[in-house]
Amino acid sequence: MMSLFERIHSYIKSPDSDTAEDNESYEYCPRCQANLTLQKGYSNKLPFWNCRGCGEMLINPEVEAEDDIAWICDKCGEMLNIQPGFFEECGNWTCTKCGFVNRIDTSELYLSEDEYQASLRDPYKGLSDEDMLKLSAYKEIGAVDGREDVILVEEQGSRLKLIKKILTTYDRSIYEYLRENPVRYMPQIKEIFESDNCLIVIEEYIEGNTIARLLESGLFDSKQAIFVVKKICSILDNLHNLPTPIIHRDIKPANIIMDPDGGIYLLDMNVAKWYDPKKTDDTRHMGTENFAAPEQAGYGLVASSARSDIYAVGMLLNVMITGKFPKEERAGGALWNIIERCISLNADERYTAKELYDALENVDIGA
C-alpha cells in the first residue's frame, strides 16, 4: 500500500544520429532520478516497480487505478487493486493469484518500500494498548549472544530477570500449552503476545552456558556427554508422551544450557510441532543442517516424529565427544553402536527417548 508516482520519461538522443529511431529511451525515478531502465529486472510492462535507488514505489501510468493508492498482496506481491472486483472498503481481500487473505486498512499507508519493509519488521505492530502496557513492565537489558530476537529483560517491581523472545516461526498453541502445563527442565513461559508480525514470548531466564559455548573450551569426555544426553532424553520422554506428543525438531548444542549447578535445560520451541500419525510429510521442512533427521528435510516416506528428535540426539552425542559429525569422525567403542542406531535412516529402527536413556545407563564406556 504505497503512494503512486508516475514514471518520468526522458529521451536521450544518440550523438551520432538525428533520427528518432536511433534514440534510446530511458525512464527515471521522480524522487532520486535513478535510471530505472538500468535496474535489474525492470520492465515498463510491470504494473509497479520499487526503485532500487530510493525504495519509492512507481506505478505504471497505464495501470487503471481509481486513486493514488496501491494495494499489494502481503504474500505474493501482486497488485490487488487491479484485480477484478477489488474495492478499498472491503475490509479483507483474497488475492486472486495466491489466495492469501489481505487486510485492507486505509490507516496503513506507506510512502516507500523501505517504510513498508520496516513495518513488516516491527514486532509490536498490531498489538493492543493493553498488551503494550503489559510489555512495558519488562525493561530491556540487552541482546543475548548478540541476537536481536532474544533479549534479557527485567520485570519492573520484582526485578526478576526473564527472557523476551521475538519469534517469526512458531506454533502458538504449543507455547500456550506449555505455559499452562510446564515441562520440567524447560524454561517456564510467563506471557505470550501475538502481533501482526510475530509471537513475543516472556519466559524464565536460565543462567548458565549452552553446550555450544562449552564446546568452544574443549570436548566432553564420554561420561560427561552421557550425563547431558540422559537429561535430554528425560525431557524428551515427557514431551513425546504428552496426550498429543510434541516434537522439538531442533535438538542441537546451542539449544541446551547447563546451569551453574549442573542442571541441563532444553530451550527453543520455535520449530516444534504436534505429532500427527496420519501425516506422511511435514508441511514445512524445519531444523538445523546435520542435526535434522532426513524426514525433516523432506526425505523418506514419513513425517517427523519422536524418532526425529532421537536422530538429533545421536548427532549431539557424537559432536560432544569428537567435535565432529559422524561422517567426519565417529565416537569410539560401544557408544558408536548406540549413536549408529540413533541416526539410522530408517526412523523405525531408532530408539525411543526411554530406550536411549536405558542404553546409555547400561553402556560400558570402557568397551
Protein backbone atom coordinates (compact mmCIF):
# COMPACT_ATOMS: atom_id res chain seq x y z
CA MET A 1 0.00 0.00 0.00
CA MET A 2 2.03 2.95 -1.24
CA SER A 3 1.51 6.35 -2.88
CA LEU A 4 1.56 6.39 -6.67
CA PHE A 5 4.28 8.22 -8.59
CA GLU A 6 4.17 8.40 -12.36
CA ARG A 7 7.31 7.46 -14.15
CA ILE A 8 9.27 10.24 -15.80
CA HIS A 9 10.23 9.54 -19.40
CA SER A 10 13.33 11.12 -20.87
CA TYR A 11 14.62 10.56 -24.35
CA ILE A 12 18.33 10.86 -24.87
CA LYS A 13 19.42 11.36 -28.41
CA SER A 14 22.41 9.49 -29.67
CA PRO A 15 25.20 12.00 -30.50
CA ASP A 16 25.78 10.28 -33.82
CA SER A 17 22.20 10.19 -35.04
CA ASP A 18 19.48 12.67 -35.96
CA THR A 19 16.64 10.15 -36.37
CA ALA A 20 14.01 9.25 -33.80
CA GLU A 21 14.61 5.56 -34.49
CA ASP A 22 18.18 5.88 -33.25
CA ASN A 23 17.16 7.49 -29.93
CA GLU A 24 17.44 5.42 -26.74
CA SER A 25 14.54 5.63 -24.25
CA TYR A 26 15.30 5.86 -20.55
CA GLU A 27 13.00 6.09 -17.56
CA TYR A 28 13.96 7.86 -14.33
CA CYS A 29 12.71 7.80 -10.74
CA PRO A 30 10.98 11.12 -9.94
CA ARG A 31 12.36 11.04 -6.40
CA CYS A 32 16.04 10.20 -6.76
CA GLN A 33 16.50 10.44 -10.55
CA ALA A 34 17.95 6.91 -10.70
CA ASN A 35 17.87 5.36 -14.16
CA LEU A 36 15.15 2.72 -13.83
CA THR A 37 15.94 1.17 -17.20
CA LEU A 38 19.33 0.04 -15.90
CA GLN A 39 17.93 -1.57 -12.74
CA LYS A 40 17.99 -5.37 -12.87
CA GLY A 41 14.59 -6.90 -13.52
CA TYR A 42 12.93 -3.66 -14.56
CA SER A 43 10.35 -3.69 -17.33
CA ASN A 44 7.91 -0.97 -18.35
CA LYS A 45 5.28 -3.71 -18.68
CA LEU A 46 5.24 -4.31 -14.90
CA PRO A 47 2.25 -2.77 -13.06
CA PHE A 48 4.62 -1.24 -10.48
CA TRP A 49 8.31 -1.06 -9.63
CA ASN A 50 10.21 -0.37 -6.41
CA CYS A 51 13.12 1.91 -7.30
CA ARG A 52 16.39 0.26 -6.29
CA GLY A 53 17.85 3.68 -5.61
CA CYS A 54 15.44 5.10 -3.03
CA GLY A 55 12.80 2.40 -2.46
CA GLU A 56 9.98 4.51 -3.90
CA MET A 57 7.08 2.61 -5.43
CA LEU A 58 6.39 3.73 -9.00
CA ILE A 59 3.18 2.77 -10.74
CA ASN A 60 2.97 2.17 -14.44
CA PRO A 61 0.91 5.07 -15.93
CA GLU A 62 -1.01 2.52 -17.98
CA VAL A 63 -2.39 0.84 -14.85
CA GLU A 64 -6.04 1.69 -14.35
CA ALA A 65 -6.48 2.70 -10.69
CA GLU A 66 -9.24 4.87 -9.25
CA ASP A 67 -6.96 6.73 -6.80
CA ASP A 68 -3.32 7.17 -5.85
CA ILE A 69 -3.09 4.18 -3.50
CA ALA A 70 -1.58 0.83 -4.50
CA TRP A 71 -2.64 -2.23 -2.52
CA ILE A 72 -0.05 -5.02 -2.63
CA CYS A 73 -0.57 -8.66 -1.59
CA ASP A 74 1.46 -9.30 1.56
CA LYS A 75 2.26 -12.84 0.39
CA CYS A 76 2.98 -12.80 -3.34
CA GLY A 77 3.47 -9.07 -4.03
CA GLU A 78 0.77 -8.81 -6.69
CA MET A 79 -1.08 -5.52 -7.05
CA LEU A 80 -4.56 -6.08 -5.63
CA ASN A 81 -6.43 -3.06 -6.88
CA ILE A 82 -6.06 -4.15 -10.49
CA GLN A 83 -7.77 -7.45 -9.67
CA PRO A 84 -11.43 -7.59 -10.79
CA GLY A 85 -13.91 -6.72 -8.05
CA PHE A 86 -11.43 -5.13 -5.64
CA PHE A 87 -12.63 -2.16 -3.58
CA GLU A 88 -10.95 -0.38 -0.67
CA GLU A 89 -13.89 -0.69 1.72
CA CYS A 90 -13.98 -4.50 1.55
CA GLY A 91 -12.02 -4.91 4.80
CA ASN A 92 -10.31 -8.07 3.54
CA TRP A 93 -9.40 -9.17 0.04
CA THR A 94 -8.41 -12.62 -1.14
CA CYS A 95 -5.63 -12.31 -3.70
CA THR A 96 -6.81 -13.91 -6.93
CA LYS A 97 -3.27 -15.09 -7.70
CA CYS A 98 -2.14 -16.80 -4.48
CA GLY A 99 -5.31 -16.97 -2.35
CA PHE A 100 -3.83 -15.09 0.62
CA VAL A 101 -6.37 -13.04 2.58
CA ASN A 102 -5.07 -9.47 2.89
CA ARG A 103 -6.33 -6.97 5.43
CA ILE A 104 -7.36 -3.75 3.68
CA ASP A 105 -6.94 -0.89 6.12
CA THR A 106 -6.59 2.68 4.85
CA SER A 107 -4.79 3.62 8.09
CA GLU A 108 -1.80 1.57 6.93
CA LEU A 109 -0.27 3.50 4.05
CA TYR A 110 3.43 3.64 3.14
CA LEU A 111 5.31 6.18 1.05
CA SER A 112 8.21 3.90 0.14
CA GLU A 113 9.26 0.27 0.04
CA ASP A 114 11.72 0.96 2.89
CA GLU A 115 8.89 2.25 5.08
CA TYR A 116 6.76 -0.77 4.18
CA GLN A 117 9.56 -3.25 4.92
CA ALA A 118 10.19 -1.52 8.25
CA SER A 119 6.55 -2.09 9.16
CA LEU A 120 6.96 -5.80 8.40
CA ARG A 121 9.89 -5.95 10.82
CA ASP A 122 8.10 -4.09 13.61
CA PRO A 123 7.49 -6.76 16.29
CA TYR A 124 4.86 -4.64 18.05
CA LYS A 125 2.70 -3.80 15.04
CA GLY A 126 -0.95 -4.56 15.72
CA LEU A 127 -0.63 -5.12 19.48
CA SER A 128 -3.41 -3.69 21.62
CA ASP A 129 -2.78 -0.85 24.06
CA GLU A 130 -3.33 -3.35 26.87
CA ASP A 131 -0.62 -5.67 25.53
CA MET A 132 1.78 -2.77 25.02
CA LEU A 133 1.19 -1.70 28.61
CA LYS A 134 1.96 -5.22 29.86
CA LEU A 135 5.12 -5.39 27.75
CA SER A 136 6.29 -2.05 29.13
CA ALA A 137 6.68 -3.76 32.50
CA TYR A 138 9.72 -5.61 31.13
CA LYS A 139 12.77 -3.37 30.87
CA GLU A 140 15.21 -4.49 28.20
CA ILE A 141 18.75 -5.08 29.46
CA GLY A 142 20.39 -6.30 26.26
CA ALA A 143 20.52 -8.86 23.49
CA VAL A 144 21.60 -12.40 24.38
CA ASP A 145 24.65 -13.55 22.39
CA GLY A 146 24.15 -10.62 20.03
CA ARG A 147 20.74 -11.88 18.88
CA GLU A 148 18.14 -9.15 18.40
CA ASP A 149 15.34 -11.72 18.74
CA VAL A 150 16.43 -12.96 22.19
CA ILE A 151 16.54 -10.20 24.81
CA LEU A 152 17.32 -10.26 28.51
CA VAL A 153 14.72 -8.20 30.38
CA GLU A 154 13.99 -7.22 33.97
CA GLU A 155 10.47 -7.19 35.36
CA GLN A 156 9.84 -3.84 36.98
CA GLY A 157 8.94 -4.15 40.62
CA SER A 158 10.21 -7.69 41.23
CA ARG A 159 13.49 -7.05 39.33
CA LEU A 160 13.24 -10.66 38.19
CA LYS A 161 15.35 -11.38 35.10
CA LEU A 162 13.47 -13.00 32.23
CA ILE A 163 13.93 -13.66 28.51
CA LYS A 164 11.88 -11.95 25.80
CA LYS A 165 11.83 -13.84 22.52
CA ILE A 166 10.58 -12.44 19.22
CA LEU A 167 9.55 -15.37 17.04
CA THR A 168 8.60 -15.31 13.37
CA THR A 169 8.42 -19.12 13.14
CA TYR A 170 6.18 -20.71 15.75
CA ASP A 171 3.06 -22.65 16.65
CA ARG A 172 1.26 -20.51 19.20
CA SER A 173 -0.76 -23.45 20.52
CA ILE A 174 2.42 -25.19 21.66
CA TYR A 175 3.54 -22.16 23.66
CA GLU A 176 0.06 -21.81 25.15
CA TYR A 177 0.05 -25.47 26.17
CA LEU A 178 3.50 -25.26 27.77
CA ARG A 179 2.50 -22.09 29.62
CA GLU A 180 -0.37 -23.97 31.24
CA ASN A 181 1.48 -27.30 31.50
CA PRO A 182 5.17 -26.60 32.22
CA VAL A 183 7.68 -29.34 31.43
CA ARG A 184 10.45 -29.77 33.96
CA TYR A 185 13.86 -28.56 32.82
CA MET A 186 12.44 -26.32 30.14
CA PRO A 187 12.07 -22.54 30.65
CA GLN A 188 8.66 -21.75 32.10
CA ILE A 189 6.58 -19.43 29.92
CA LYS A 190 5.20 -16.39 31.70
CA GLU A 191 3.35 -14.42 28.98
CA ILE A 192 2.54 -14.60 25.27
CA PHE A 193 1.71 -11.72 22.92
CA GLU A 194 0.95 -12.05 19.22
CA SER A 195 1.37 -9.05 16.92
CA ASP A 196 0.78 -8.83 13.18
CA ASN A 197 4.36 -9.91 12.53
CA CYS A 198 5.47 -12.26 15.28
CA LEU A 199 4.93 -14.00 18.60
CA ILE A 200 6.51 -12.35 21.64
CA VAL A 201 7.23 -14.78 24.48
CA ILE A 202 8.29 -13.84 28.01
CA GLU A 203 9.89 -16.85 29.66
CA GLU A 204 12.11 -17.93 32.52
CA TYR A 205 15.77 -16.90 32.31
CA ILE A 206 18.13 -19.85 32.77
CA GLU A 207 21.57 -18.69 33.84
CA GLY A 208 24.44 -20.75 32.52
CA ASN A 209 26.27 -21.74 29.34
CA THR A 210 24.99 -23.53 26.28
CA ILE A 211 26.62 -26.78 25.24
CA ALA A 212 27.79 -24.92 22.12
CA ARG A 213 29.62 -22.39 24.29
CA LEU A 214 31.13 -25.12 26.47
CA LEU A 215 32.37 -26.96 23.37
CA GLU A 216 34.36 -23.86 22.47
CA SER A 217 36.51 -24.60 25.54
CA GLY A 218 37.01 -28.28 24.77
CA LEU A 219 35.31 -31.59 24.14
CA PHE A 220 33.27 -33.56 26.68
CA ASP A 221 34.55 -36.90 27.88
CA SER A 222 32.22 -39.86 27.39
CA LYS A 223 30.90 -39.78 30.95
CA GLN A 224 30.05 -36.06 30.79
CA ALA A 225 28.41 -36.42 27.38
CA ILE A 226 26.29 -39.35 28.56
CA PHE A 227 25.16 -37.32 31.59
CA VAL A 228 23.95 -34.46 29.37
CA VAL A 229 22.25 -36.70 26.83
CA LYS A 230 20.44 -38.72 29.50
CA LYS A 231 18.99 -35.47 30.88
CA ILE A 232 17.81 -34.52 27.38
CA CYS A 233 16.26 -37.98 26.99
CA SER A 234 14.25 -37.44 30.18
CA ILE A 235 12.91 -34.11 28.90
CA LEU A 236 12.07 -35.60 25.51
CA ASP A 237 10.37 -38.55 27.14
CA ASN A 238 7.99 -36.08 28.81
CA LEU A 239 7.34 -34.19 25.55
CA HIS A 240 6.90 -37.35 23.50
CA ASN A 241 4.42 -38.87 25.93
CA LEU A 242 2.03 -35.96 26.27
CA PRO A 243 -1.61 -36.71 25.28
CA THR A 244 -0.62 -35.24 21.89
CA PRO A 245 3.16 -35.60 21.62
CA ILE A 246 5.31 -32.53 20.94
CA ILE A 247 8.30 -32.98 18.65
CA HIS A 248 11.09 -30.48 19.37
CA ARG A 249 12.75 -30.74 15.91
CA ASP A 250 15.80 -28.63 16.77
CA ILE A 251 17.99 -30.50 19.26
CA LYS A 252 21.50 -29.03 18.97
CA PRO A 253 24.28 -27.70 21.26
CA ALA A 254 23.00 -24.10 21.08
CA ASN A 255 19.59 -25.16 22.40
CA ILE A 256 20.83 -26.93 25.52
CA ILE A 257 22.05 -25.00 28.55
CA MET A 258 23.87 -26.11 31.69
CA ASP A 259 23.21 -24.01 34.77
CA PRO A 260 25.86 -23.32 37.46
CA ASP A 261 24.65 -26.32 39.47
CA GLY A 262 24.96 -28.71 36.54
CA GLY A 263 21.27 -28.76 35.67
CA ILE A 264 20.51 -29.38 32.00
CA TYR A 265 17.72 -27.45 30.26
CA LEU A 266 16.25 -27.74 26.77
CA LEU A 267 15.46 -24.42 25.06
CA ASP A 268 13.77 -23.00 21.95
CA MET A 269 10.46 -24.49 20.85
CA ASN A 270 10.01 -22.21 17.84
CA VAL A 271 10.05 -25.04 15.26
CA ALA A 272 8.35 -27.61 17.49
CA LYS A 273 5.20 -29.29 16.22
CA TRP A 274 2.39 -31.52 17.42
CA TYR A 275 2.81 -35.11 16.27
CA ASP A 276 0.17 -36.30 13.83
CA PRO A 277 0.49 -40.01 12.97
CA LYS A 278 -1.71 -39.55 9.89
CA LYS A 279 0.77 -37.24 8.17
CA THR A 280 3.37 -38.66 5.80
CA ASP A 281 5.33 -35.44 5.32
CA ASP A 282 5.96 -32.18 7.18
CA THR A 283 4.09 -29.16 5.84
CA ARG A 284 7.24 -27.11 6.45
CA HIS A 285 10.69 -28.65 6.48
CA MET A 286 12.39 -27.27 9.58
CA GLY A 287 15.51 -27.96 11.64
CA THR A 288 19.25 -27.37 11.63
CA GLU A 289 21.50 -28.87 8.98
CA ASN A 290 23.33 -32.05 10.07
CA PHE A 291 21.21 -32.34 13.25
CA ALA A 292 17.83 -32.58 11.49
CA ALA A 293 16.68 -36.09 10.60
CA PRO A 294 16.28 -36.89 6.87
CA GLU A 295 12.48 -36.83 7.13
CA GLN A 296 12.62 -33.24 8.43
CA ALA A 297 14.21 -32.20 5.15
CA GLY A 298 11.56 -33.97 3.08
CA TYR A 299 13.46 -37.22 2.50
CA GLY A 300 11.80 -40.53 3.21
CA LEU A 301 8.17 -41.61 3.38
CA VAL A 302 7.27 -40.36 6.87
CA ALA A 303 6.75 -37.05 8.66
CA SER A 304 8.95 -36.02 11.58
CA SER A 305 8.16 -37.86 14.80
CA ALA A 306 9.64 -38.55 18.21
CA ARG A 307 12.31 -40.62 16.45
CA SER A 308 13.39 -37.47 14.58
CA ASP A 309 14.45 -35.93 17.89
CA ILE A 310 16.43 -39.09 18.67
CA TYR A 311 18.34 -38.69 15.41
CA ALA A 312 19.42 -35.22 16.54
CA VAL A 313 20.38 -36.53 19.98
CA GLY A 314 22.65 -39.13 18.35
CA MET A 315 24.35 -36.37 16.36
CA LEU A 316 24.65 -34.29 19.52
CA LEU A 317 26.34 -37.14 21.41
CA ASN A 318 28.89 -37.69 18.63
CA VAL A 319 29.65 -33.95 18.38
CA MET A 320 30.11 -33.57 22.14
CA ILE A 321 32.71 -36.36 22.19
CA THR A 322 34.56 -35.83 18.89
CA GLY A 323 33.70 -32.24 17.95
CA LYS A 324 32.58 -33.56 14.55
CA PHE A 325 29.64 -35.22 12.85
CA PRO A 326 29.78 -39.00 12.29
CA LYS A 327 30.54 -38.60 8.57
CA GLU A 328 33.76 -36.82 9.63
CA GLU A 329 34.69 -38.77 12.76
CA ARG A 330 32.88 -41.40 14.80
CA ALA A 331 32.84 -41.77 18.57
CA GLY A 332 34.57 -44.96 19.57
CA GLY A 333 33.66 -48.19 21.35
CA ALA A 334 30.18 -49.18 22.47
CA LEU A 335 28.96 -45.58 22.26
CA TRP A 336 29.23 -45.67 18.49
CA ASN A 337 26.85 -48.63 18.35
CA ILE A 338 24.28 -46.54 20.24
CA ILE A 339 24.85 -43.46 18.10
CA GLU A 340 24.60 -45.52 14.92
CA ARG A 341 21.15 -46.75 15.92
CA CYS A 342 20.07 -43.20 16.83
CA ILE A 343 20.95 -41.89 13.36
CA SER A 344 19.56 -44.78 11.34
CA LEU A 345 17.98 -43.58 8.10
CA ASN A 346 15.03 -45.78 8.95
CA ALA A 347 13.18 -43.92 11.69
CA ASP A 348 11.55 -47.12 12.98
CA GLU A 349 14.98 -48.54 13.83
CA ARG A 350 15.87 -45.67 16.18
CA TYR A 351 15.40 -45.71 19.94
CA THR A 352 12.61 -44.05 21.84
CA ALA A 353 13.81 -41.49 24.39
CA LYS A 354 13.32 -44.01 27.21
CA GLU A 355 15.13 -46.77 25.32
CA LEU A 356 18.06 -44.46 24.62
CA TYR A 357 18.21 -43.43 28.29
CA ASP A 358 18.34 -47.10 29.32
CA ALA A 359 21.01 -47.90 26.71
CA LEU A 360 23.21 -45.10 27.98
CA GLU A 361 22.56 -46.10 31.59
CA ASN A 362 23.99 -49.55 30.88
CA VAL A 363 26.70 -48.80 28.31
CA ASP A 364 30.26 -49.84 29.11
CA ILE A 365 32.24 -46.75 28.14
CA GLY A 366 35.42 -48.71 28.50
CA ALA A 367 34.36 -51.04 25.72
